PDB file of N, CA and C in Angstrom:
ATOM      1  N   MET A   1      92.198  -3.771 137.454  1.00  0.00           N
ATOM      2  CA  MET A   1      90.783  -3.880 137.763  1.00  0.00           C
ATOM      3  C   MET A   1      89.952  -3.166 136.707  1.00  0.00           C
ATOM      4  N   GLY A   2      88.748  -3.696 136.460  1.00  0.00           N
ATOM      5  CA  GLY A   2      87.851  -3.065 135.511  1.00  0.00           C
ATOM      6  C   GLY A   2      87.133  -1.877 136.122  1.00  0.00           C
ATOM      7  N   LYS A   3      86.513  -1.104 135.264  1.00  0.00           N
ATOM      8  CA  LYS A   3      85.795   0.075 135.755  1.00  0.00           C
ATOM      9  C   LYS A   3      84.373  -0.296 136.151  1.00  0.00           C
ATOM     10  N   VAL A   4      83.815   0.492 137.046  1.00  0.00           N
ATOM     11  CA  VAL A   4      82.445   0.272 137.502  1.00  0.00           C
ATOM     12  C   VAL A   4      81.505   0.973 136.520  1.00  0.00           C
ATOM     13  N   HIS A   5      80.362   0.370 136.250  1.00  0.00           N
ATOM     14  CA  HIS A   5      79.371   0.991 135.363  1.00  0.00           C
ATOM     15  C   HIS A   5      78.612   2.037 136.154  1.00  0.00           C
ATOM     16  N   GLY A   6      78.886   3.286 135.941  1.00  0.00           N
ATOM     17  CA  GLY A   6      78.207   4.370 136.647  1.00  0.00           C
ATOM     18  C   GLY A   6      78.826   4.606 138.015  1.00  0.00           C
ATOM     19  N   SER A   7      78.555   5.770 138.573  1.00  0.00           N
ATOM     20  CA  SER A   7      79.132   6.080 139.882  1.00  0.00           C
ATOM     21  C   SER A   7      78.330   5.406 140.983  1.00  0.00           C
ATOM     22  N   LEU A   8      78.990   5.156 142.103  1.00  0.00           N
ATOM     23  CA  LEU A   8      78.316   4.496 143.217  1.00  0.00           C
ATOM     24  C   LEU A   8      77.364   5.442 143.943  1.00  0.00           C
ATOM     25  N   ALA A   9      77.395   6.730 143.595  1.00  0.00           N
ATOM     26  CA  ALA A   9      76.472   7.687 144.199  1.00  0.00           C
ATOM     27  C   ALA A   9      75.036   7.402 143.771  1.00  0.00           C
ATOM     28  N   ARG A  10      74.873   6.765 142.594  1.00  0.00           N
ATOM     29  CA  ARG A  10      73.524   6.470 142.087  1.00  0.00           C
ATOM     30  C   ARG A  10      73.023   5.097 142.513  1.00  0.00           C
ATOM     31  N   ALA A  11      73.769   4.390 143.346  1.00  0.00           N
ATOM     32  CA  ALA A  11      73.365   3.042 143.741  1.00  0.00           C
ATOM     33  C   ALA A  11      72.069   3.083 144.544  1.00  0.00           C
ATOM     34  N   GLY A  12      71.123   2.227 144.205  1.00  0.00           N
ATOM     35  CA  GLY A  12      69.854   2.156 144.924  1.00  0.00           C
ATOM     36  C   GLY A  12      68.866   3.234 144.542  1.00  0.00           C
ATOM     37  N   LYS A  13      69.080   3.903 143.432  1.00  0.00           N
ATOM     38  CA  LYS A  13      68.215   5.015 143.012  1.00  0.00           C
ATOM     39  C   LYS A  13      66.784   4.547 142.755  1.00  0.00           C
ATOM     40  N   VAL A  14      66.631   3.478 142.021  1.00  0.00           N
ATOM     41  CA  VAL A  14      65.295   3.026 141.629  1.00  0.00           C
ATOM     42  C   VAL A  14      64.520   2.511 142.837  1.00  0.00           C
ATOM     43  N   LYS A  15      65.199   1.788 143.721  1.00  0.00           N
ATOM     44  CA  LYS A  15      64.522   1.237 144.891  1.00  0.00           C
ATOM     45  C   LYS A  15      63.998   2.354 145.789  1.00  0.00           C
ATOM     46  N   SER A  16      64.771   3.425 145.928  1.00  0.00           N
ATOM     47  CA  SER A  16      64.327   4.526 146.783  1.00  0.00           C
ATOM     48  C   SER A  16      63.191   5.317 146.139  1.00  0.00           C
ATOM     49  N   GLN A  17      63.088   5.293 144.812  1.00  0.00           N
ATOM     50  CA  GLN A  17      62.011   6.015 144.118  1.00  0.00           C
ATOM     51  C   GLN A  17      60.690   5.248 144.135  1.00  0.00           C
ATOM     52  N   THR A  18      60.754   3.929 144.270  1.00  0.00           N
ATOM     53  CA  THR A  18      59.562   3.098 144.159  1.00  0.00           C
ATOM     54  C   THR A  18      58.661   3.293 145.377  1.00  0.00           C
ATOM     55  N   PRO A  19      57.351   3.496 145.155  1.00  0.00           N
ATOM     56  CA  PRO A  19      56.459   3.678 146.301  1.00  0.00           C
ATOM     57  C   PRO A  19      56.333   2.397 147.123  1.00  0.00           C
ATOM     58  N   LYS A  20      56.258   2.559 148.441  1.00  0.00           N
ATOM     59  CA  LYS A  20      56.174   1.408 149.340  1.00  0.00           C
ATOM     60  C   LYS A  20      54.756   0.858 149.312  1.00  0.00           C
ATOM     61  N   VAL A  21      54.631  -0.439 149.108  1.00  0.00           N
ATOM     62  CA  VAL A  21      53.330  -1.098 149.095  1.00  0.00           C
ATOM     63  C   VAL A  21      53.353  -2.146 150.196  1.00  0.00           C
ATOM     64  N   ASP A  22      52.363  -2.118 151.080  1.00  0.00           N
ATOM     65  CA  ASP A  22      52.313  -3.080 152.182  1.00  0.00           C
ATOM     66  C   ASP A  22      52.067  -4.482 151.647  1.00  0.00           C
ATOM     67  N   ARG A  23      52.582  -5.477 152.372  1.00  0.00           N
ATOM     68  CA  ARG A  23      52.379  -6.864 151.979  1.00  0.00           C
ATOM     69  C   ARG A  23      50.926  -7.256 152.160  1.00  0.00           C
ATOM     70  N   GLN A  24      50.435  -8.101 151.251  1.00  0.00           N
ATOM     71  CA  GLN A  24      49.053  -8.538 151.325  1.00  0.00           C
ATOM     72  C   GLN A  24      48.948  -9.787 152.186  1.00  0.00           C
ATOM     73  N   GLU A  25      47.811  -9.930 152.842  1.00  0.00           N
ATOM     74  CA  GLU A  25      47.545 -11.147 153.605  1.00  0.00           C
ATOM     75  C   GLU A  25      47.172 -12.255 152.631  1.00  0.00           C
ATOM     76  N   LYS A  26      47.832 -13.391 152.728  1.00  0.00           N
ATOM     77  CA  LYS A  26      47.535 -14.508 151.852  1.00  0.00           C
ATOM     78  C   LYS A  26      47.248 -15.745 152.695  1.00  0.00           C
ATOM     79  N   ALA A  27      46.451 -16.640 152.133  1.00  0.00           N
ATOM     80  CA  ALA A  27      46.207 -17.912 152.806  1.00  0.00           C
ATOM     81  C   ALA A  27      47.483 -18.734 152.759  1.00  0.00           C
ATOM     82  N   LYS A  28      47.789 -19.419 153.843  1.00  0.00           N
ATOM     83  CA  LYS A  28      49.043 -20.173 153.868  1.00  0.00           C
ATOM     84  C   LYS A  28      48.950 -21.390 152.960  1.00  0.00           C
ATOM     85  N   LYS A  29      50.067 -21.727 152.337  1.00  0.00           N
ATOM     86  CA  LYS A  29      50.109 -22.855 151.429  1.00  0.00           C
ATOM     87  C   LYS A  29      50.251 -24.139 152.238  1.00  0.00           C
ATOM     88  N   PRO A  30      49.650 -25.236 151.739  1.00  0.00           N
ATOM     89  CA  PRO A  30      49.772 -26.491 152.477  1.00  0.00           C
ATOM     90  C   PRO A  30      51.202 -27.004 152.467  1.00  0.00           C
ATOM     91  N   THR A  31      51.574 -27.681 153.539  1.00  0.00           N
ATOM     92  CA  THR A  31      52.922 -28.241 153.648  1.00  0.00           C
ATOM     93  C   THR A  31      52.829 -29.733 153.926  1.00  0.00           C
ATOM     94  N   GLY A  32      53.939 -30.413 153.728  1.00  0.00           N
ATOM     95  CA  GLY A  32      54.006 -31.838 154.062  1.00  0.00           C
ATOM     96  C   GLY A  32      53.120 -32.698 153.195  1.00  0.00           C
ATOM     97  N   ARG A  33      52.325 -33.555 153.865  1.00  0.00           N
ATOM     98  CA  ARG A  33      51.466 -34.513 153.169  1.00  0.00           C
ATOM     99  C   ARG A  33      50.444 -33.808 152.293  1.00  0.00           C
ATOM    100  N   ALA A  34      49.892 -32.710 152.782  1.00  0.00           N
ATOM    101  CA  ALA A  34      48.861 -31.992 152.033  1.00  0.00           C
ATOM    102  C   ALA A  34      49.424 -31.410 150.737  1.00  0.00           C
ATOM    103  N   LYS A  35      50.663 -30.950 150.775  1.00  0.00           N
ATOM    104  CA  LYS A  35      51.286 -30.412 149.566  1.00  0.00           C
ATOM    105  C   LYS A  35      51.544 -31.523 148.554  1.00  0.00           C
ATOM    106  N   LYS A  36      52.015 -32.679 149.032  1.00  0.00           N
ATOM    107  CA  LYS A  36      52.239 -33.816 148.143  1.00  0.00           C
ATOM    108  C   LYS A  36      50.936 -34.235 147.468  1.00  0.00           C
ATOM    109  N   ARG A  37      49.851 -34.214 148.229  1.00  0.00           N
ATOM    110  CA  ARG A  37      48.544 -34.586 147.702  1.00  0.00           C
ATOM    111  C   ARG A  37      48.097 -33.611 146.624  1.00  0.00           C
ATOM    112  N   GLU A  38      48.305 -32.330 146.885  1.00  0.00           N
ATOM    113  CA  GLU A  38      47.942 -31.300 145.913  1.00  0.00           C
ATOM    114  C   GLU A  38      48.745 -31.459 144.620  1.00  0.00           C
ATOM    115  N   MET A  39      50.040 -31.717 144.744  1.00  0.00           N
ATOM    116  CA  MET A  39      50.896 -31.893 143.570  1.00  0.00           C
ATOM    117  C   MET A  39      50.483 -33.128 142.772  1.00  0.00           C
ATOM    118  N   PHE A  40      50.157 -34.224 143.473  1.00  0.00           N
ATOM    119  CA  PHE A  40      49.731 -35.450 142.801  1.00  0.00           C
ATOM    120  C   PHE A  40      48.455 -35.194 142.006  1.00  0.00           C
ATOM    121  N   ASN A  41      47.499 -34.524 142.650  1.00  0.00           N
ATOM    122  CA  ASN A  41      46.232 -34.236 141.964  1.00  0.00           C
ATOM    123  C   ASN A  41      46.450 -33.325 140.765  1.00  0.00           C
ATOM    124  N   ARG A  42      47.323 -32.355 140.901  1.00  0.00           N
ATOM    125  CA  ARG A  42      47.578 -31.424 139.805  1.00  0.00           C
ATOM    126  C   ARG A  42      48.267 -32.131 138.638  1.00  0.00           C
ATOM    127  N   ARG A  43      49.179 -33.050 138.951  1.00  0.00           N
ATOM    128  CA  ARG A  43      49.966 -33.678 137.888  1.00  0.00           C
ATOM    129  C   ARG A  43      49.288 -34.873 137.239  1.00  0.00           C
ATOM    130  N   TYR A  44      48.616 -35.707 138.029  1.00  0.00           N
ATOM    131  CA  TYR A  44      48.158 -36.990 137.497  1.00  0.00           C
ATOM    132  C   TYR A  44      46.648 -37.163 137.431  1.00  0.00           C
ATOM    133  N   VAL A  45      45.881 -36.505 138.269  1.00  0.00           N
ATOM    134  CA  VAL A  45      44.442 -36.727 138.306  1.00  0.00           C
ATOM    135  C   VAL A  45      43.716 -35.807 137.343  1.00  0.00           C
ATOM    136  N   ASN A  46      44.045 -34.513 137.366  1.00  0.00           N
ATOM    137  CA  ASN A  46      43.310 -33.539 136.570  1.00  0.00           C
ATOM    138  C   ASN A  46      43.992 -33.205 135.253  1.00  0.00           C
ATOM    139  N   VAL A  47      44.718 -34.155 134.635  1.00  0.00           N
ATOM    140  CA  VAL A  47      45.428 -33.839 133.395  1.00  0.00           C
ATOM    141  C   VAL A  47      44.462 -33.851 132.219  1.00  0.00           C
ATOM    142  N   SER A  48      44.617 -32.873 131.332  1.00  0.00           N
ATOM    143  CA  SER A  48      43.786 -32.818 130.139  1.00  0.00           C
ATOM    144  C   SER A  48      44.486 -33.546 129.003  1.00  0.00           C
ATOM    145  N   ALA A  49      43.795 -33.727 127.903  1.00  0.00           N
ATOM    146  CA  ALA A  49      44.357 -34.445 126.755  1.00  0.00           C
ATOM    147  C   ALA A  49      45.497 -33.656 126.123  1.00  0.00           C
ATOM    148  N   ALA A  50      45.461 -32.336 126.250  1.00  0.00           N
ATOM    149  CA  ALA A  50      46.504 -31.509 125.643  1.00  0.00           C
ATOM    150  C   ALA A  50      47.842 -31.715 126.345  1.00  0.00           C
ATOM    151  N   MET A  51      47.790 -32.006 127.645  1.00  0.00           N
ATOM    152  CA  MET A  51      49.044 -32.185 128.379  1.00  0.00           C
ATOM    153  C   MET A  51      49.644 -33.574 128.143  1.00  0.00           C
ATOM    154  N   MET A  52      48.799 -34.535 127.756  1.00  0.00           N
ATOM    155  CA  MET A  52      49.300 -35.883 127.500  1.00  0.00           C
ATOM    156  C   MET A  52      49.719 -35.969 126.036  1.00  0.00           C
ATOM    157  N   VAL A  53      50.959 -35.641 125.746  1.00  0.00           N
ATOM    158  CA  VAL A  53      51.452 -35.663 124.375  1.00  0.00           C
ATOM    159  C   VAL A  53      52.334 -36.896 124.220  1.00  0.00           C
ATOM    160  N   GLY A  54      51.911 -37.812 123.404  1.00  0.00           N
ATOM    161  CA  GLY A  54      52.705 -39.015 123.165  1.00  0.00           C
ATOM    162  C   GLY A  54      52.835 -39.898 124.397  1.00  0.00           C
ATOM    163  N   GLY A  55      51.822 -39.898 125.259  1.00  0.00           N
ATOM    164  CA  GLY A  55      51.859 -40.748 126.446  1.00  0.00           C
ATOM    165  C   GLY A  55      52.645 -40.172 127.595  1.00  0.00           C
ATOM    166  N   LYS A  56      53.307 -39.037 127.394  1.00  0.00           N
ATOM    167  CA  LYS A  56      54.089 -38.414 128.454  1.00  0.00           C
ATOM    168  C   LYS A  56      53.339 -37.213 128.990  1.00  0.00           C
ATOM    169  N   ILE A  57      53.515 -36.942 130.272  1.00  0.00           N
ATOM    170  CA  ILE A  57      52.930 -35.747 130.852  1.00  0.00           C
ATOM    171  C   ILE A  57      53.944 -34.633 130.698  1.00  0.00           C
ATOM    172  N   ARG A  58      53.610 -33.622 129.921  1.00  0.00           N
ATOM    173  CA  ARG A  58      54.498 -32.489 129.704  1.00  0.00           C
ATOM    174  C   ARG A  58      54.060 -31.366 130.642  1.00  0.00           C
ATOM    175  N   LEU A  59      55.001 -30.765 131.353  1.00  0.00           N
ATOM    176  CA  LEU A  59      54.644 -29.718 132.295  1.00  0.00           C
ATOM    177  C   LEU A  59      54.343 -28.397 131.585  1.00  0.00           C
ATOM    178  N   ASN A  60      55.033 -28.122 130.489  1.00  0.00           N
ATOM    179  CA  ASN A  60      54.762 -26.898 129.746  1.00  0.00           C
ATOM    180  C   ASN A  60      54.701 -27.244 128.260  1.00  0.00           C
ATOM    181  N   PRO A  61      53.611 -27.879 127.825  1.00  0.00           N
ATOM    182  CA  PRO A  61      53.578 -28.400 126.459  1.00  0.00           C
ATOM    183  C   PRO A  61      53.403 -27.305 125.411  1.00  0.00           C
ATOM    184  N   ALA A  62      54.068 -27.511 124.284  1.00  0.00           N
ATOM    185  CA  ALA A  62      53.868 -26.630 123.138  1.00  0.00           C
ATOM    186  C   ALA A  62      52.543 -27.025 122.485  1.00  0.00           C
ATOM    187  N   PRO A  63      51.925 -26.124 121.750  1.00  0.00           N
ATOM    188  CA  PRO A  63      50.663 -26.470 121.088  1.00  0.00           C
ATOM    189  C   PRO A  63      50.841 -27.671 120.144  1.00  0.00           C
ATOM    190  N   VAL A  64      49.883 -28.577 120.176  1.00  0.00           N
ATOM    191  CA  VAL A  64      49.948 -29.790 119.355  1.00  0.00           C
ATOM    192  C   VAL A  64      49.585 -29.429 117.927  1.00  0.00           C
ATOM    193  N   LYS A  65      50.408 -29.874 116.988  1.00  0.00           N
ATOM    194  CA  LYS A  65      50.152 -29.572 115.576  1.00  0.00           C
ATOM    195  C   LYS A  65      49.278 -30.626 114.954  1.00  0.00           C
TER     196      LYS A  65
END
């Protein structure tokens, strides 16, 4: 068997040091039909010219040269 990196006595050290922050209240995300509608609008309706490279819709396009 291989050796463990560091002793197990130090396991969880960073998590226990981190200050506890309460979860924030967020608006719920749409589900079902509403989510599909949002995705369609984001992908096909509101596309800019920079995203349409060579007739294809690129999700993370590199800068056009």
